Every structure is written in C-alpha cells, then in structure tokens.
C-alpha cells in the first residue's frame, strides 16, 4: 500500500539519515519494517546491502564486521533484527567515529528491531548522539480511510487491527487466522529469544487477561493470584510484552499534590485486532456485543494519538479517588491537552471530565468521537473526529520545532 503516509515515512527516513550516521527503526514483528526499509532503499536511489540477522548465513557474514562494513563503505547498510547481535554496537560506534574523522558523517546504517528495551539500551550506551530513533506503527486511519473507496475503513481497522497482513486479508476468517498464528509464533518462537524460558501457555493466559482488562489500571496482585505466580513474575511478563511493543503501560498524571490521585498505570494491548483475537472476537457483531468494546475503542484512539504525538510530549491519564477522570493528558511546553474518548455520535462528557480539566489546568479540552464534524461543547470543550485531533497534534509538534 503506497500512499501519502508511506511517502512521509520515506521523507522522514531520508531526513534522519541526512542528519545522523545511523537510524533505528523500531516496530513489532510483521508491522512492515523490512518492507519499508527495502522500498526506501530502492526509491532513494542509494546502493544498499540488506542483512537479516535472524539468518545464520547473514550473521556469518559479520564474523568480521569491521572488514565487511569496510568492503561496503559506500552503501547504506540495512541490518534487520539487529538486537540479535549485540556485539555489533561497539563496532558500529567505532566505524561511525572513524568515518566522522573522514568527513563521512551521516547516512551509514539503518537498523531494524522488534524489541525496544535491549535495542534502546544498546544504542543509548554505545551510539548516544549518533543515532535517531523512529517507531513504525501498524496501519492508521489516515492510511486506510478511503482505500479503494471503503466506507467502513475505521471499523475494519478496529476489528482487524493495523498489522498489514491482518487488515488486508481477504476475509474475516483469514484475518483472524493470521492473528492467531501471529500470537502463537510470538509465544513459541520469539519470546524464548528474549530472556529466561517463559511457559508459552502461562504467558498466553496473562496476555488474554490483559486483553480482557483492556485500558484498566494494573492489578498485579489479582493477576498473580489468577495465574498462581508471584508478583515479580507478573512484573517480568509485563516488562517482556512492553519490550516487544505489544503492550503499552500508560502512567498516571502526578503533578497535583493537592489531590488524591491514583498511582497505578493503565495497561493496553496495543493492537485492537490482537485484543479481539485473544478474546475470540471474530466479527463486528460479536465485538459490539462484548464488554470490551468500549475499552478496545479507547485503546485504538490512544494508539493513534501516541503515534503522531511530538516526541518531546508527555502522555498520561488522570484519575482521582472521587471520580474525576481523563483518558489522556498530552503535555508539551505550556500546552496541556485533556482528551476524553467517546464511542457515541452524541458525545456528552460527564462532570468528572470538566472537573479533571480544571484540576490539570488544561489548555485544550477535547472529546474525540466517531463522527465527522468538529463542534463546541460547554465550558470550552470541543467534540472532534479522530482525524481532526491527529491533524492538530501534528501542528502542535511542528510548532514546537519552530
């Protein structure tokens, strides 16, 4: 699917490679990192070498990485699943610094990875100041809206999720099959690569529990009791799924010392299609009748906002013990946007929303809903569709860069 979003990504990659010696492209497996990197290399007109470091044959080529990189010094090196070979990072730092002295300062390496924690730790320790980080997310509504004239693209994106092979599958059955295979592959093959052995069935049950409690505050003690494990095990499982970019941990807002605020993070399975696959929801009728529908929709909206939010912005949720609540607070400089998600064409925020807006001293009060028009609500709030909110967040980021 070549579209304006992909062209924007090409432009962003080109810009970052013109600024930095290396760019790290993060994203869950099967989200399209390899496709994007190959297409970028082909369309940029640059000579490139692609290595998949999950393949023993490609890892073998780097038995002497210094010699290999020197042989291809005039090419863009695309290293896929680079976290599989952590010893490379020291070599990369040396090569980058050497080329800087030779006045070849930028655009040497494009590094792809599907596990954030190890990769971020490696880059921060060895490539600090030499690397730019980008995250590739599943399809967004901006990418799929109007595709081939589809009037219900957002509903399809909500049900199937944004992984390309799931969204583009020829039927709901084949989409669900792809997602179930994706989950099984992660549990049986990918998870064992990232640390101590985790029983696949136990982790599946934990993942399902998170999906069933989508968007709820983390109750580690209850999860531990249900699984028959300790609290440290729950923390380790959650860290693993967050690291694999499959789960998001949203922290609570904490700047108001005069209020009794909750201090526990909310947890979301990041892709709505995976939420539904984990819970056996295979049709829109089944989704609309399921108790998770509201929180699944909220998670879909939140992931869109997080994908376009300026890198320097801070995202939290707000909740007090007396019921004042905001689904999302986005802060950047003096801007503080209070965002509530409604899955109704008649979005009527509660008194708790307005009280929370006052508590956080919101500069914008926004209720995002599935309609097509932006219109005012009381007390300075606005109702707006997701696409309008994303455009405003994009403008916020551009203004912050000026």
Protein backbone atom coordinates (compact mmCIF):
# COMPACT_ATOMS: atom_id res chain seq x y z
CA UNK A 1 0.00 0.00 0.00
CA UNK A 2 1.91 3.04 -1.25
CA UNK A 3 0.27 6.23 -0.03
CA UNK A 4 0.96 9.65 1.41
CA UNK A 5 1.81 8.17 4.81
CA UNK A 6 4.46 5.91 3.29
CA UNK A 7 5.88 8.83 1.33
CA UNK A 8 6.00 10.81 4.56
CA UNK A 9 7.94 7.96 6.18
CA UNK A 10 10.34 7.88 3.25
CA UNK A 11 10.87 11.61 3.67
CA UNK A 12 11.41 11.27 7.41
CA UNK A 13 13.91 8.43 6.96
CA UNK A 14 15.76 10.45 4.32
CA UNK A 15 15.86 13.48 6.64
CA UNK A 16 17.13 11.50 9.64
CA UNK A 17 19.79 9.69 7.61
CA UNK A 18 20.96 13.08 6.35
CA UNK A 19 21.31 14.21 9.98
CA UNK A 20 22.67 11.10 11.74
CA UNK A 21 25.12 8.30 10.99
CA UNK A 22 22.51 5.69 11.98
CA UNK A 23 18.74 5.45 12.27
CA UNK A 24 16.95 2.81 14.38
CA UNK A 25 13.51 1.80 13.09
CA UNK A 26 11.56 0.09 15.88
CA UNK A 27 8.33 -1.85 15.50
CA UNK A 28 6.66 -5.12 16.39
CA UNK A 29 7.21 -8.08 14.12
CA UNK A 30 5.19 -8.12 10.90
CA UNK A 31 4.40 -4.42 11.15
CA UNK A 32 6.22 -3.69 7.89
CA UNK A 33 9.74 -2.57 8.89
CA UNK A 34 11.52 -4.75 6.31
CA UNK A 35 9.11 -3.80 3.52
CA UNK A 36 9.54 -0.12 4.33
CA UNK A 37 13.34 -0.36 4.53
CA UNK A 38 13.64 -2.23 1.22
CA UNK A 39 11.24 0.15 -0.52
CA UNK A 40 13.09 3.15 0.90
CA UNK A 41 16.45 1.83 -0.31
CA UNK A 42 15.02 1.18 -3.79
CA UNK A 43 13.30 4.56 -4.12
CA UNK A 44 16.10 6.62 -2.59
CA UNK A 45 18.45 5.71 -5.43
CA UNK A 46 21.12 4.65 -2.94
CA UNK A 47 23.02 1.40 -3.15
CA UNK A 48 22.14 -0.71 -0.13
CA UNK A 49 23.08 -4.02 1.48
CA UNK A 50 20.35 -5.83 3.45
CA UNK A 51 21.19 -8.40 6.15
CA UNK A 52 18.60 -10.35 8.14
CA UNK A 53 20.42 -11.16 11.36
CA UNK A 54 17.97 -13.90 12.24
CA UNK A 55 19.51 -15.93 9.40
CA UNK A 56 22.71 -17.81 10.32
CA UNK A 57 24.04 -17.18 6.81
CA UNK A 58 23.73 -13.40 7.21
CA UNK A 59 25.16 -13.46 10.74
CA UNK A 60 28.12 -15.38 9.37
CA UNK A 61 28.89 -12.50 7.01
CA UNK A 62 29.56 -10.39 10.09
CA UNK A 63 32.10 -12.73 11.66
CA UNK A 64 34.50 -9.85 10.98
CA UNK A 65 32.10 -6.90 10.91
CA UNK A 66 34.82 -4.26 10.53
CA UNK A 67 36.09 -5.90 7.35
CA UNK A 68 32.57 -6.43 5.98
CA UNK A 69 31.49 -2.84 6.58
CA UNK A 70 34.74 -1.53 5.08
CA UNK A 71 34.06 -3.56 1.93
CA UNK A 72 30.65 -1.88 1.61
CA UNK A 73 31.64 1.56 2.91
CA UNK A 74 29.83 3.35 0.08
CA UNK A 75 26.47 1.62 0.70
CA UNK A 76 23.62 2.02 3.13
CA UNK A 77 23.78 -0.98 5.48
CA UNK A 78 20.31 -2.22 6.46
CA UNK A 79 20.60 -4.56 9.45
CA UNK A 80 17.33 -6.31 10.32
CA UNK A 81 16.68 -7.64 13.86
CA UNK A 82 19.97 -6.05 14.90
CA UNK A 83 19.34 -6.75 18.60
CA UNK A 84 20.14 -10.42 17.80
CA UNK A 85 23.84 -9.49 17.55
CA UNK A 86 24.51 -7.10 20.46
CA UNK A 87 28.29 -7.29 19.98
CA UNK A 88 27.82 -5.24 16.80
CA UNK A 89 27.11 -2.00 18.61
CA UNK A 90 30.66 -1.40 19.78
CA UNK A 91 31.88 -1.99 16.23
CA UNK A 92 29.24 0.37 14.84
CA UNK A 93 30.36 3.11 17.22
CA UNK A 94 33.97 2.74 16.15
CA UNK A 95 33.09 2.81 12.45
CA UNK A 96 30.82 5.83 12.84
CA UNK A 97 33.51 7.75 14.72
CA UNK A 98 36.16 6.76 12.19
CA UNK A 99 34.02 7.94 9.29
CA UNK A 100 33.33 11.20 11.07
CA UNK A 101 37.06 11.90 11.03
CA UNK A 102 36.98 11.17 7.29
CA UNK A 103 34.15 13.74 6.90
CA UNK A 104 31.62 10.98 6.11
CA UNK A 105 29.32 11.97 8.89
CA UNK A 106 25.83 10.73 8.10
CA UNK A 107 23.66 8.08 6.47
CA UNK A 108 25.62 4.87 7.05
CA UNK A 109 23.29 2.44 8.87
CA UNK A 110 19.57 1.68 9.03
CA UNK A 111 18.96 -0.64 11.99
CA UNK A 112 15.67 -2.53 12.35
CA UNK A 113 14.48 -4.07 15.61
CA UNK A 114 11.37 -5.59 17.17
CA UNK A 115 12.41 -5.42 20.83
CA UNK A 116 12.70 -1.96 22.27
CA UNK A 117 14.38 -2.29 25.66
CA UNK A 118 17.55 -4.14 24.65
CA UNK A 119 17.93 -2.11 21.49
CA UNK A 120 17.36 1.22 23.22
CA UNK A 121 19.80 0.28 25.96
CA UNK A 122 22.44 -0.69 23.41
CA UNK A 123 22.00 2.47 21.36
CA UNK A 124 21.94 4.75 24.41
CA UNK A 125 25.11 3.19 25.80
CA UNK A 126 27.15 2.89 22.60
CA UNK A 127 25.59 5.17 19.97
CA UNK A 128 24.48 8.15 22.04
CA UNK A 129 24.40 11.26 19.86
CA UNK A 130 24.99 9.16 16.76
CA UNK A 131 21.55 7.65 16.20
CA UNK A 132 17.95 8.74 15.60
CA UNK A 133 15.04 6.59 16.78
CA UNK A 134 11.82 6.10 14.82
CA UNK A 135 8.92 3.79 15.59
CA UNK A 136 6.85 2.17 12.85
CA UNK A 137 3.28 1.55 13.98
CA UNK A 138 0.55 -0.61 12.46
CA UNK A 139 -1.76 0.97 9.85
CA UNK A 140 -3.53 4.13 10.98
CA UNK A 141 -6.92 5.51 9.99
CA UNK A 142 -5.12 8.08 7.83
CA UNK A 143 -3.59 5.25 5.80
CA UNK A 144 -6.72 3.16 5.35
CA UNK A 145 -9.52 5.76 5.16
CA UNK A 146 -10.95 5.83 1.69
CA UNK A 147 -8.73 2.99 0.46
CA UNK A 148 -10.40 1.56 -2.65
CA UNK A 149 -13.49 3.53 -1.68
CA UNK A 150 -14.06 1.55 1.54
CA UNK A 151 -16.69 3.44 3.57
CA UNK A 152 -16.08 1.43 6.76
CA UNK A 153 -12.29 1.50 6.89
CA UNK A 154 -12.19 2.62 10.54
CA UNK A 155 -14.50 -0.20 11.66
CA UNK A 156 -12.40 -2.69 9.73
CA UNK A 157 -9.23 -1.28 11.27
CA UNK A 158 -10.82 -1.53 14.73
CA UNK A 159 -11.92 -5.14 14.29
CA UNK A 160 -8.86 -6.50 12.46
CA UNK A 161 -6.15 -4.25 13.84
CA UNK A 162 -3.46 -2.48 11.90
CA UNK A 163 -0.95 -5.21 11.07
CA UNK A 164 -0.83 -5.15 7.26
CA UNK A 165 -1.44 -8.89 6.68
CA UNK A 166 -4.38 -8.86 9.08
CA UNK A 167 -6.00 -5.69 7.75
CA UNK A 168 -5.55 -6.67 4.09
CA UNK A 169 -6.65 -10.31 4.49
CA UNK A 170 -9.37 -11.36 2.01
CA UNK A 171 -11.87 -12.35 4.72
CA UNK A 172 -12.55 -12.03 8.44
CA UNK A 173 -11.71 -15.72 8.83
CA UNK A 174 -8.30 -15.39 7.19
CA UNK A 175 -7.60 -12.20 9.17
CA UNK A 176 -8.36 -14.00 12.43
CA UNK A 177 -6.23 -16.97 11.37
CA UNK A 178 -3.29 -14.66 10.67
CA UNK A 179 -3.60 -13.04 14.09
CA UNK A 180 -3.85 -16.38 15.90
CA UNK A 181 -0.72 -17.57 14.06
CA UNK A 182 1.00 -14.30 14.97
CA UNK A 183 0.22 -14.82 18.67
CA UNK A 184 1.35 -18.45 18.57
CA UNK A 185 4.60 -17.56 16.78
CA UNK A 186 5.41 -14.90 19.36
CA UNK A 187 4.75 -17.29 22.24
CA UNK A 188 6.57 -20.30 20.83
CA UNK A 189 9.45 -18.76 18.89
CA UNK A 190 10.02 -15.08 19.59
CA UNK A 191 9.54 -14.82 23.35
CA UNK A 192 12.17 -17.52 24.14
CA UNK A 193 14.75 -15.36 22.32
CA UNK A 194 14.42 -12.54 24.84
CA UNK A 195 15.40 -13.98 28.17
CA UNK A 196 14.66 -16.84 30.54
CA UNK A 197 12.24 -19.51 29.41
CA UNK A 198 8.62 -18.42 29.87
CA UNK A 199 5.95 -21.13 29.64
CA UNK A 200 4.00 -20.31 26.48
CA UNK A 201 0.60 -21.29 27.87
CA UNK A 202 1.08 -19.24 31.03
CA UNK A 203 2.12 -16.19 29.02
CA UNK A 204 -0.87 -16.67 26.70
CA UNK A 205 -3.23 -16.64 29.69
CA UNK A 206 -1.54 -13.49 31.01
CA UNK A 207 -1.85 -11.80 27.61
CA UNK A 208 -5.54 -12.79 27.46
CA UNK A 209 -6.11 -11.35 30.92
CA UNK A 210 -4.58 -8.05 29.83
CA UNK A 211 -6.87 -8.03 26.77
CA UNK A 212 -9.89 -8.77 28.93
CA UNK A 213 -8.90 -5.88 31.21
CA UNK A 214 -8.00 -3.56 28.32
CA UNK A 215 -7.44 0.00 29.49
CA UNK A 216 -7.82 -0.85 33.18
CA UNK A 217 -5.40 0.00 35.96
CA UNK A 218 -2.89 -2.75 36.55
CA UNK A 219 -3.86 -5.04 39.43
CA UNK A 220 -0.73 -7.16 39.70
CA UNK A 221 -1.88 -8.99 42.85
CA UNK A 222 -5.12 -10.16 41.22
CA UNK A 223 -3.32 -11.26 38.06
CA UNK A 224 -0.71 -13.11 40.10
CA UNK A 225 -3.40 -14.91 42.11
CA UNK A 226 -5.28 -15.90 38.95
CA UNK A 227 -2.15 -17.34 37.35
CA UNK A 228 -0.74 -18.88 40.52
CA UNK A 229 2.53 -16.97 40.30
CA UNK A 230 4.26 -14.24 42.30
CA UNK A 231 4.16 -10.51 41.78
CA UNK A 232 7.73 -10.44 40.44
CA UNK A 233 6.71 -12.90 37.72
CA UNK A 234 3.81 -10.67 36.68
CA UNK A 235 6.18 -7.69 36.50
CA UNK A 236 8.61 -9.72 34.36
CA UNK A 237 5.85 -10.87 31.98
CA UNK A 238 4.54 -7.33 31.62
CA UNK A 239 8.01 -5.92 31.00
CA UNK A 240 8.52 -8.54 28.29
CA UNK A 241 5.31 -7.69 26.41
CA UNK A 242 6.01 -3.95 26.72
CA UNK A 243 9.54 -4.53 25.44
CA UNK A 244 8.20 -6.46 22.43
CA UNK A 245 5.98 -3.44 21.59
CA UNK A 246 2.82 -5.49 22.11
CA UNK A 247 1.55 -3.82 25.30
CA UNK A 248 1.54 -0.19 26.41
CA UNK A 249 1.86 0.95 30.01
CA UNK A 250 0.29 4.42 30.43
CA UNK A 251 1.46 6.22 33.59
CA UNK A 252 -0.83 8.31 35.80
CA UNK A 253 -0.60 12.10 35.87
CA UNK A 254 1.09 13.16 39.09
CA UNK A 255 1.67 16.92 39.19
CA UNK A 256 -1.21 17.88 41.51
CA UNK A 257 -0.06 17.36 45.08
CA UNK A 258 -3.38 18.62 46.45
CA UNK A 259 -5.50 15.79 45.06
CA UNK A 260 -5.72 12.11 45.95
CA UNK A 261 -4.60 10.66 42.62
CA UNK A 262 -4.30 7.03 41.59
CA UNK A 263 -0.67 5.95 41.26
CA UNK A 264 -1.10 2.74 39.24
CA UNK A 265 -0.53 2.65 35.46
CA UNK A 266 -3.18 1.65 32.97
CA UNK A 267 -2.32 -1.19 30.59
CA UNK A 268 -3.38 -1.63 26.95
CA UNK A 269 -2.73 -4.35 24.40
CA UNK A 270 -1.53 -2.02 21.67
CA UNK A 271 -3.25 -3.51 18.61
CA UNK A 272 -7.04 -3.79 18.74
CA UNK A 273 -7.00 -6.77 16.38
CA UNK A 274 -4.82 -8.70 18.83
CA UNK A 275 -7.20 -7.80 21.67
CA UNK A 276 -10.05 -9.36 19.70
CA UNK A 277 -8.05 -12.43 18.65
CA UNK A 278 -7.02 -13.11 22.23
CA UNK A 279 -10.68 -12.91 23.29
CA UNK A 280 -12.08 -14.89 20.33
CA UNK A 281 -13.99 -11.91 18.88
CA UNK A 282 -14.26 -12.68 15.16
CA UNK A 283 -16.92 -10.28 13.80
CA UNK A 284 -18.18 -6.74 14.25
CA UNK A 285 -21.46 -8.04 15.72
CA UNK A 286 -19.53 -10.05 18.30
CA UNK A 287 -17.35 -7.02 19.09
CA UNK A 288 -20.26 -4.62 19.55
CA UNK A 289 -21.91 -7.06 21.95
CA UNK A 290 -18.77 -7.71 24.00
CA UNK A 291 -17.99 -5.88 27.28
CA UNK A 292 -14.50 -5.00 25.98
CA UNK A 293 -15.87 -2.90 23.08
CA UNK A 294 -15.60 0.47 24.82
CA UNK A 295 -12.10 -0.04 26.16
CA UNK A 296 -10.96 -1.58 22.86
CA UNK A 297 -12.14 1.55 21.04
CA UNK A 298 -10.37 3.71 23.62
CA UNK A 299 -7.15 1.78 23.06
CA UNK A 300 -7.43 2.24 19.29
CA UNK A 301 -7.81 6.01 19.72
CA UNK A 302 -4.94 6.19 22.20
CA UNK A 303 -2.53 4.33 19.89
CA UNK A 304 -3.33 6.76 17.06
CA UNK A 305 -2.62 9.72 19.33
CA UNK A 306 0.63 8.22 20.60
CA UNK A 307 1.78 7.55 17.03
CA UNK A 308 1.59 11.22 15.98
CA UNK A 309 2.33 12.87 19.31
CA UNK A 310 5.51 15.01 19.30
CA UNK A 311 8.50 13.06 20.61
CA UNK A 312 9.04 15.57 23.41
CA UNK A 313 5.42 15.39 24.60
CA UNK A 314 4.38 13.54 27.74
CA UNK A 315 1.31 11.28 27.80
CA UNK A 316 -0.50 10.24 30.97
CA UNK A 317 -4.03 9.60 32.23
CA UNK A 318 -5.72 11.40 35.12
CA UNK A 319 -7.94 9.91 37.78
CA UNK A 320 -8.78 10.95 41.34
CA UNK A 321 -10.30 8.92 44.12
CA UNK A 322 -13.57 10.88 43.79
CA UNK A 323 -14.11 10.06 40.11
CA UNK A 324 -12.62 12.96 38.14
CA UNK A 325 -11.02 11.32 35.11
CA UNK A 326 -9.31 11.95 31.76
CA UNK A 327 -8.45 9.18 29.33
CA UNK A 328 -5.35 11.04 28.16
CA UNK A 329 -3.37 14.15 29.06
CA UNK A 330 -0.85 15.31 26.46
CA UNK A 331 1.70 17.89 27.64
CA UNK A 332 4.24 19.79 25.59
CA UNK A 333 5.73 23.03 26.86
CA UNK A 334 2.86 25.20 28.04
CA UNK A 335 0.29 23.11 26.20
CA UNK A 336 -1.76 20.64 28.23
CA UNK A 337 -4.48 18.86 26.27
CA UNK A 338 -7.17 16.94 28.12
CA UNK A 339 -8.64 14.19 25.90
CA UNK A 340 -11.70 12.02 26.51
CA UNK A 341 -12.71 9.16 24.20
CA UNK A 342 -16.39 8.52 23.43
CA UNK A 343 -17.81 5.83 21.14
CA UNK A 344 -21.04 7.69 20.52
CA UNK A 345 -22.29 10.15 17.91
CA UNK A 346 -23.71 12.19 20.79
CA UNK A 347 -20.58 12.69 22.91
CA UNK A 348 -21.64 14.08 26.26
CA UNK A 349 -18.78 14.36 28.75
CA UNK A 350 -19.52 13.88 32.44
CA UNK A 351 -18.98 16.39 35.22
CA UNK A 352 -15.87 14.37 36.13
CA UNK A 353 -14.31 15.30 32.78
CA UNK A 354 -14.75 19.03 33.38
CA UNK A 355 -13.54 18.75 36.99
CA UNK A 356 -10.45 16.90 35.79
CA UNK A 357 -9.82 19.55 33.12
CA UNK A 358 -9.85 22.18 35.85
CA UNK A 359 -7.55 20.07 38.03
CA UNK A 360 -4.87 19.73 35.36
CA UNK A 361 -5.39 23.29 34.10
CA UNK A 362 -6.00 22.05 30.58
CA UNK A 363 -5.31 24.47 27.73
CA UNK A 364 -7.48 22.36 25.37
CA UNK A 365 -10.49 20.20 26.24
CA UNK A 366 -11.19 17.61 23.58
CA UNK A 367 -13.74 14.81 23.27
CA UNK A 368 -12.81 12.52 20.38
CA UNK A 369 -15.79 10.66 18.90
CA UNK A 370 -16.58 8.58 15.75
CA UNK A 371 -18.40 11.37 13.89
CA UNK A 372 -17.20 13.58 11.05
CA UNK A 373 -17.66 17.15 12.34
CA UNK A 374 -15.96 19.30 14.96
CA UNK A 375 -18.33 21.28 17.18
CA UNK A 376 -18.20 23.11 20.53
CA UNK A 377 -19.39 21.65 23.82
CA UNK A 378 -19.88 23.52 27.06
CA UNK A 379 -17.10 25.02 29.20
CA UNK A 380 -14.70 25.47 26.29
CA UNK A 381 -14.61 21.81 25.28
CA UNK A 382 -14.78 20.56 21.69
CA UNK A 383 -16.01 17.33 20.13
CA UNK A 384 -13.96 16.25 17.13
CA UNK A 385 -13.29 13.19 14.97
CA UNK A 386 -10.02 11.36 15.34
CA UNK A 387 -8.61 12.66 12.06
CA UNK A 388 -9.10 16.27 13.19
CA UNK A 389 -7.38 15.57 16.51
CA UNK A 390 -4.42 13.96 14.74
CA UNK A 391 -4.02 16.99 12.47
CA UNK A 392 -3.98 19.30 15.49
CA UNK A 393 -1.42 17.14 17.28
CA UNK A 394 0.74 17.22 14.16
CA UNK A 395 0.53 21.02 14.11
CA UNK A 396 1.42 21.09 17.81
CA UNK A 397 4.59 19.13 17.03
CA UNK A 398 5.52 21.35 14.09
CA UNK A 399 5.04 24.49 16.21
CA UNK A 400 7.24 23.02 18.95
CA UNK A 401 10.06 22.59 16.44
CA UNK A 402 9.99 26.23 15.31
